[in-house]
Amino acid sequence: MTTIYHNPRCSKSRQTLELLQQHNDDIEVIEYLKIPPNKEQLQKILDLLGLKPRELMRKGESVYQELNLDDPSLDDAALIQMMLEHPILIERPIVINNGKAVIGRPPEGVLDII
């Protein structure tokens, strides 16, 4: 099964989901703003992507600025906590398939793991 952490309001996320649907009929769609990942799931996503928490954050979101999340003294645990509390900070879309993950930017990047 392929899983996509999806935001239907995001054009890249919609394009990525459409691309997945063209290649796969077994897709779990998780609207992560409604059902955010828990701490273990978020850590697994980071591990699969090979990213540090700050690298998965949407730095252009107003909450990123408001919470001063660019502060270099914030450790990974603090950044993960902020993503759990404010899932809008999580980059999207994230696709997981067969133990691999990719961010669908550009959407065609998901073709490497499906």
N, C-alpha and C. Protein backbone atom coordinates (compact mmCIF):
# COMPACT_ATOMS: atom_id res chain seq x y z
N MET A 1 0.83 -1.18 0.00
CA MET A 1 0.00 0.00 0.00
C MET A 1 0.88 1.25 0.00
N THR A 2 0.44 2.22 -0.74
CA THR A 2 1.10 3.52 -0.80
C THR A 2 0.34 4.49 0.10
N THR A 3 1.07 5.26 0.89
CA THR A 3 0.46 6.24 1.78
C THR A 3 0.89 7.63 1.34
N ILE A 4 -0.07 8.54 1.31
CA ILE A 4 0.24 9.94 1.02
C ILE A 4 -0.28 10.80 2.16
N TYR A 5 0.61 11.62 2.71
CA TYR A 5 0.21 12.65 3.66
C TYR A 5 -0.14 13.86 2.80
N HIS A 6 -1.44 14.17 2.77
CA HIS A 6 -2.04 15.01 1.74
C HIS A 6 -2.74 16.22 2.33
N ASN A 7 -2.64 17.33 1.61
CA ASN A 7 -3.42 18.52 1.91
C ASN A 7 -4.19 18.86 0.64
N PRO A 8 -5.52 18.64 0.62
CA PRO A 8 -6.28 18.86 -0.60
C PRO A 8 -6.28 20.31 -1.09
N ARG A 9 -5.88 21.24 -0.25
CA ARG A 9 -5.82 22.65 -0.66
C ARG A 9 -4.53 22.99 -1.39
N CYS A 10 -3.58 22.06 -1.39
CA CYS A 10 -2.26 22.29 -1.99
C CYS A 10 -2.24 21.71 -3.41
N SER A 11 -1.89 22.52 -4.39
CA SER A 11 -1.88 22.05 -5.78
C SER A 11 -0.86 20.93 -6.00
N LYS A 12 0.32 21.03 -5.39
CA LYS A 12 1.33 19.97 -5.55
C LYS A 12 0.84 18.66 -4.94
N SER A 13 0.15 18.77 -3.82
CA SER A 13 -0.39 17.59 -3.17
C SER A 13 -1.47 16.95 -4.05
N ARG A 14 -2.34 17.76 -4.61
CA ARG A 14 -3.39 17.24 -5.51
C ARG A 14 -2.76 16.59 -6.74
N GLN A 15 -1.75 17.23 -7.32
CA GLN A 15 -1.08 16.67 -8.49
C GLN A 15 -0.40 15.34 -8.16
N THR A 16 0.20 15.28 -6.99
CA THR A 16 0.88 14.05 -6.57
C THR A 16 -0.13 12.93 -6.37
N LEU A 17 -1.25 13.22 -5.73
CA LEU A 17 -2.28 12.21 -5.53
C LEU A 17 -2.82 11.72 -6.87
N GLU A 18 -3.04 12.62 -7.79
CA GLU A 18 -3.53 12.24 -9.12
C GLU A 18 -2.53 11.32 -9.81
N LEU A 19 -1.27 11.64 -9.71
CA LEU A 19 -0.22 10.81 -10.31
C LEU A 19 -0.20 9.43 -9.67
N LEU A 20 -0.32 9.37 -8.36
CA LEU A 20 -0.38 8.08 -7.67
C LEU A 20 -1.57 7.26 -8.14
N GLN A 21 -2.72 7.92 -8.28
CA GLN A 21 -3.93 7.22 -8.70
C GLN A 21 -3.80 6.65 -10.11
N GLN A 22 -3.00 7.27 -10.94
CA GLN A 22 -2.77 6.77 -12.30
C GLN A 22 -1.93 5.50 -12.30
N HIS A 23 -1.13 5.30 -11.25
CA HIS A 23 -0.19 4.19 -11.20
C HIS A 23 -0.50 3.14 -10.15
N ASN A 24 -1.47 3.42 -9.28
CA ASN A 24 -1.68 2.54 -8.14
C ASN A 24 -3.13 2.70 -7.66
N ASP A 25 -3.77 1.60 -7.33
CA ASP A 25 -5.14 1.71 -6.83
C ASP A 25 -5.24 1.40 -5.34
N ASP A 26 -4.11 1.14 -4.70
CA ASP A 26 -4.10 0.84 -3.28
C ASP A 26 -3.38 1.98 -2.55
N ILE A 27 -4.14 3.08 -2.33
CA ILE A 27 -3.56 4.30 -1.76
C ILE A 27 -4.30 4.66 -0.48
N GLU A 28 -3.52 4.90 0.57
CA GLU A 28 -4.07 5.42 1.81
C GLU A 28 -3.82 6.92 1.82
N VAL A 29 -4.90 7.69 1.83
CA VAL A 29 -4.78 9.14 1.84
C VAL A 29 -5.01 9.63 3.27
N ILE A 30 -4.00 10.29 3.81
CA ILE A 30 -4.10 10.84 5.16
C ILE A 30 -4.06 12.36 5.04
N GLU A 31 -5.19 12.99 5.35
CA GLU A 31 -5.21 14.45 5.38
C GLU A 31 -4.57 14.87 6.69
N TYR A 32 -3.28 15.13 6.63
CA TYR A 32 -2.48 15.29 7.84
C TYR A 32 -2.83 16.52 8.66
N LEU A 33 -3.56 17.46 8.08
CA LEU A 33 -3.99 18.61 8.90
C LEU A 33 -5.17 18.22 9.78
N LYS A 34 -5.95 17.21 9.34
CA LYS A 34 -7.07 16.70 10.13
C LYS A 34 -6.61 15.58 11.07
N ILE A 35 -5.73 14.72 10.56
CA ILE A 35 -5.22 13.59 11.33
C ILE A 35 -3.69 13.64 11.25
N PRO A 36 -3.07 14.45 12.10
CA PRO A 36 -1.61 14.58 12.03
C PRO A 36 -0.91 13.30 12.49
N PRO A 37 0.30 13.10 12.01
CA PRO A 37 1.06 11.95 12.48
C PRO A 37 1.39 12.12 13.96
N ASN A 38 1.53 10.98 14.65
CA ASN A 38 1.97 11.05 16.04
C ASN A 38 3.50 11.13 16.04
N LYS A 39 4.08 11.20 17.21
CA LYS A 39 5.52 11.38 17.33
C LYS A 39 6.29 10.25 16.66
N GLU A 40 5.86 9.01 16.88
CA GLU A 40 6.55 7.86 16.29
C GLU A 40 6.44 7.87 14.76
N GLN A 41 5.24 8.19 14.27
CA GLN A 41 5.05 8.25 12.82
C GLN A 41 5.90 9.35 12.20
N LEU A 42 5.95 10.50 12.84
CA LEU A 42 6.74 11.61 12.32
C LEU A 42 8.23 11.26 12.32
N GLN A 43 8.69 10.61 13.37
CA GLN A 43 10.10 10.20 13.42
C GLN A 43 10.40 9.18 12.32
N LYS A 44 9.47 8.26 12.08
CA LYS A 44 9.66 7.27 11.01
C LYS A 44 9.72 7.97 9.65
N ILE A 45 8.86 8.95 9.43
CA ILE A 45 8.87 9.71 8.18
C ILE A 45 10.23 10.39 8.00
N LEU A 46 10.69 11.04 9.04
CA LEU A 46 12.00 11.71 8.98
C LEU A 46 13.10 10.71 8.66
N ASP A 47 13.07 9.55 9.31
CA ASP A 47 14.09 8.53 9.07
C ASP A 47 14.04 8.04 7.63
N LEU A 48 12.83 7.77 7.12
CA LEU A 48 12.69 7.28 5.74
C LEU A 48 13.16 8.32 4.73
N LEU A 49 12.89 9.59 5.03
CA LEU A 49 13.32 10.66 4.13
C LEU A 49 14.80 10.99 4.28
N GLY A 50 15.38 10.60 5.42
CA GLY A 50 16.77 10.94 5.69
C GLY A 50 16.95 12.42 5.97
N LEU A 51 15.94 13.01 6.62
CA LEU A 51 15.96 14.45 6.90
C LEU A 51 15.99 14.72 8.40
N LYS A 52 16.54 15.88 8.73
CA LYS A 52 16.45 16.40 10.09
C LYS A 52 15.12 17.16 10.18
N PRO A 53 14.57 17.32 11.38
CA PRO A 53 13.27 17.97 11.50
C PRO A 53 13.17 19.33 10.81
N ARG A 54 14.17 20.17 10.95
CA ARG A 54 14.09 21.50 10.33
C ARG A 54 13.98 21.40 8.80
N GLU A 55 14.57 20.36 8.22
CA GLU A 55 14.53 20.18 6.77
C GLU A 55 13.14 19.79 6.27
N LEU A 56 12.28 19.31 7.15
CA LEU A 56 10.93 18.92 6.78
C LEU A 56 9.92 20.02 7.06
N MET A 57 10.40 21.13 7.58
CA MET A 57 9.49 22.21 7.96
C MET A 57 9.28 23.21 6.83
N ARG A 58 8.04 23.68 6.76
CA ARG A 58 7.68 24.73 5.80
C ARG A 58 8.02 26.08 6.42
N LYS A 59 9.17 26.59 6.04
CA LYS A 59 9.68 27.81 6.65
C LYS A 59 8.90 29.06 6.25
N GLY A 60 8.12 28.98 5.20
CA GLY A 60 7.33 30.12 4.76
C GLY A 60 6.01 30.29 5.49
N GLU A 61 5.65 29.31 6.31
CA GLU A 61 4.39 29.41 7.06
C GLU A 61 4.52 30.48 8.15
N SER A 62 3.46 31.23 8.34
CA SER A 62 3.49 32.32 9.32
C SER A 62 3.80 31.79 10.72
N VAL A 63 3.30 30.60 11.06
CA VAL A 63 3.55 30.06 12.40
C VAL A 63 5.04 29.79 12.62
N TYR A 64 5.78 29.50 11.54
CA TYR A 64 7.22 29.29 11.65
C TYR A 64 7.89 30.57 12.13
N GLN A 65 7.47 31.69 11.55
CA GLN A 65 8.02 32.98 11.94
C GLN A 65 7.54 33.37 13.35
N GLU A 66 6.23 33.19 13.60
CA GLU A 66 5.64 33.61 14.87
C GLU A 66 6.28 32.89 16.05
N LEU A 67 6.62 31.62 15.87
CA LEU A 67 7.20 30.83 16.95
C LEU A 67 8.73 30.88 16.96
N ASN A 68 9.29 31.69 16.07
CA ASN A 68 10.74 31.86 15.99
C ASN A 68 11.46 30.51 15.84
N LEU A 69 10.94 29.70 14.93
CA LEU A 69 11.49 28.35 14.76
C LEU A 69 12.81 28.32 14.01
N ASP A 70 13.26 29.46 13.53
CA ASP A 70 14.58 29.50 12.91
C ASP A 70 15.69 29.66 13.94
N ASP A 71 15.31 29.70 15.21
CA ASP A 71 16.26 29.80 16.32
C ASP A 71 17.16 28.56 16.32
N PRO A 72 18.47 28.73 16.07
CA PRO A 72 19.36 27.57 15.99
C PRO A 72 19.54 26.82 17.32
N SER A 73 19.10 27.42 18.41
CA SER A 73 19.23 26.73 19.70
C SER A 73 18.14 25.67 19.90
N LEU A 74 17.11 25.68 19.05
CA LEU A 74 16.05 24.67 19.16
C LEU A 74 16.59 23.32 18.68
N ASP A 75 16.45 22.30 19.52
CA ASP A 75 16.93 20.98 19.14
C ASP A 75 15.87 20.22 18.34
N ASP A 76 16.25 19.04 17.86
CA ASP A 76 15.35 18.24 17.03
C ASP A 76 14.06 17.90 17.77
N ALA A 77 14.15 17.58 19.04
CA ALA A 77 12.95 17.22 19.81
C ALA A 77 11.97 18.39 19.87
N ALA A 78 12.49 19.59 20.05
CA ALA A 78 11.63 20.78 20.11
C ALA A 78 10.97 21.03 18.75
N LEU A 79 11.71 20.84 17.68
CA LEU A 79 11.16 21.06 16.34
C LEU A 79 10.10 20.01 16.01
N ILE A 80 10.35 18.76 16.39
CA ILE A 80 9.35 17.71 16.18
C ILE A 80 8.09 18.05 16.96
N GLN A 81 8.25 18.49 18.18
CA GLN A 81 7.09 18.86 18.99
C GLN A 81 6.28 19.96 18.33
N MET A 82 6.95 20.94 17.75
CA MET A 82 6.25 22.02 17.07
C MET A 82 5.48 21.51 15.85
N MET A 83 6.05 20.54 15.12
CA MET A 83 5.34 19.97 13.98
C MET A 83 4.13 19.16 14.44
N LEU A 84 4.23 18.52 15.60
CA LEU A 84 3.10 17.77 16.13
C LEU A 84 1.98 18.72 16.55
N GLU A 85 2.35 19.84 17.13
CA GLU A 85 1.37 20.82 17.59
C GLU A 85 0.82 21.67 16.44
N HIS A 86 1.62 21.85 15.39
CA HIS A 86 1.25 22.68 14.25
C HIS A 86 1.57 21.93 12.95
N PRO A 87 0.74 20.94 12.58
CA PRO A 87 1.06 20.12 11.42
C PRO A 87 1.17 20.89 10.10
N ILE A 88 0.66 22.12 10.06
CA ILE A 88 0.83 22.94 8.85
C ILE A 88 2.31 23.16 8.55
N LEU A 89 3.16 22.98 9.55
CA LEU A 89 4.61 23.16 9.37
C LEU A 89 5.25 22.02 8.58
N ILE A 90 4.56 20.89 8.46
CA ILE A 90 5.15 19.72 7.80
C ILE A 90 5.06 19.89 6.29
N GLU A 91 6.18 19.74 5.63
CA GLU A 91 6.22 19.83 4.16
C GLU A 91 5.29 18.79 3.57
N ARG A 92 4.75 19.08 2.43
CA ARG A 92 3.79 18.20 1.79
C ARG A 92 3.99 18.18 0.29
N PRO A 93 3.46 17.18 -0.34
CA PRO A 93 2.94 15.92 0.18
C PRO A 93 4.08 14.94 0.44
N ILE A 94 3.88 14.05 1.37
CA ILE A 94 4.85 13.00 1.65
C ILE A 94 4.23 11.68 1.21
N VAL A 95 4.98 10.93 0.43
CA VAL A 95 4.50 9.63 -0.04
C VAL A 95 5.43 8.55 0.50
N ILE A 96 4.81 7.49 1.03
CA ILE A 96 5.56 6.36 1.56
C ILE A 96 5.11 5.11 0.82
N ASN A 97 6.07 4.33 0.36
CA ASN A 97 5.77 3.09 -0.35
C ASN A 97 6.95 2.13 -0.20
N ASN A 98 6.65 0.90 0.16
CA ASN A 98 7.67 -0.15 0.26
C ASN A 98 8.89 0.27 1.07
N GLY A 99 8.66 0.90 2.21
CA GLY A 99 9.76 1.27 3.09
C GLY A 99 10.59 2.44 2.59
N LYS A 100 10.09 3.18 1.62
CA LYS A 100 10.77 4.36 1.11
C LYS A 100 9.81 5.54 1.18
N ALA A 101 10.37 6.74 1.25
CA ALA A 101 9.54 7.94 1.31
C ALA A 101 10.15 9.02 0.43
N VAL A 102 9.29 9.90 -0.03
CA VAL A 102 9.72 11.03 -0.84
C VAL A 102 8.71 12.17 -0.65
N ILE A 103 9.20 13.38 -0.77
CA ILE A 103 8.33 14.54 -0.78
C ILE A 103 7.96 14.80 -2.23
N GLY A 104 6.69 14.95 -2.51
CA GLY A 104 6.20 15.11 -3.88
C GLY A 104 6.38 16.52 -4.42
N ARG A 105 7.59 17.01 -4.40
CA ARG A 105 7.94 18.31 -4.98
C ARG A 105 9.22 18.14 -5.77
N PRO A 106 9.12 17.97 -7.04
CA PRO A 106 7.93 17.97 -7.88
C PRO A 106 7.16 16.66 -7.75
N PRO A 107 5.88 16.67 -8.14
CA PRO A 107 5.06 15.47 -8.01
C PRO A 107 5.68 14.24 -8.67
N GLU A 108 6.37 14.41 -9.78
CA GLU A 108 6.96 13.28 -10.51
C GLU A 108 8.01 12.53 -9.70
N GLY A 109 8.49 13.14 -8.64
CA GLY A 109 9.48 12.50 -7.79
C GLY A 109 8.96 11.23 -7.14
N VAL A 110 7.64 11.12 -6.99
CA VAL A 110 7.08 9.92 -6.37
C VAL A 110 7.22 8.69 -7.27
N LEU A 111 7.41 8.90 -8.54
CA LEU A 111 7.55 7.77 -9.46
C LEU A 111 8.76 6.92 -9.14
N ASP A 112 9.74 7.50 -8.45
CA ASP A 112 10.94 6.76 -8.07
C ASP A 112 10.68 5.69 -7.02
N ILE A 113 9.56 5.80 -6.28
CA ILE A 113 9.33 4.82 -5.22
C ILE A 113 8.07 3.98 -5.41
N ILE A 114 7.34 4.22 -6.51
CA ILE A 114 6.14 3.39 -6.74
C ILE A 114 6.37 2.38 -7.85
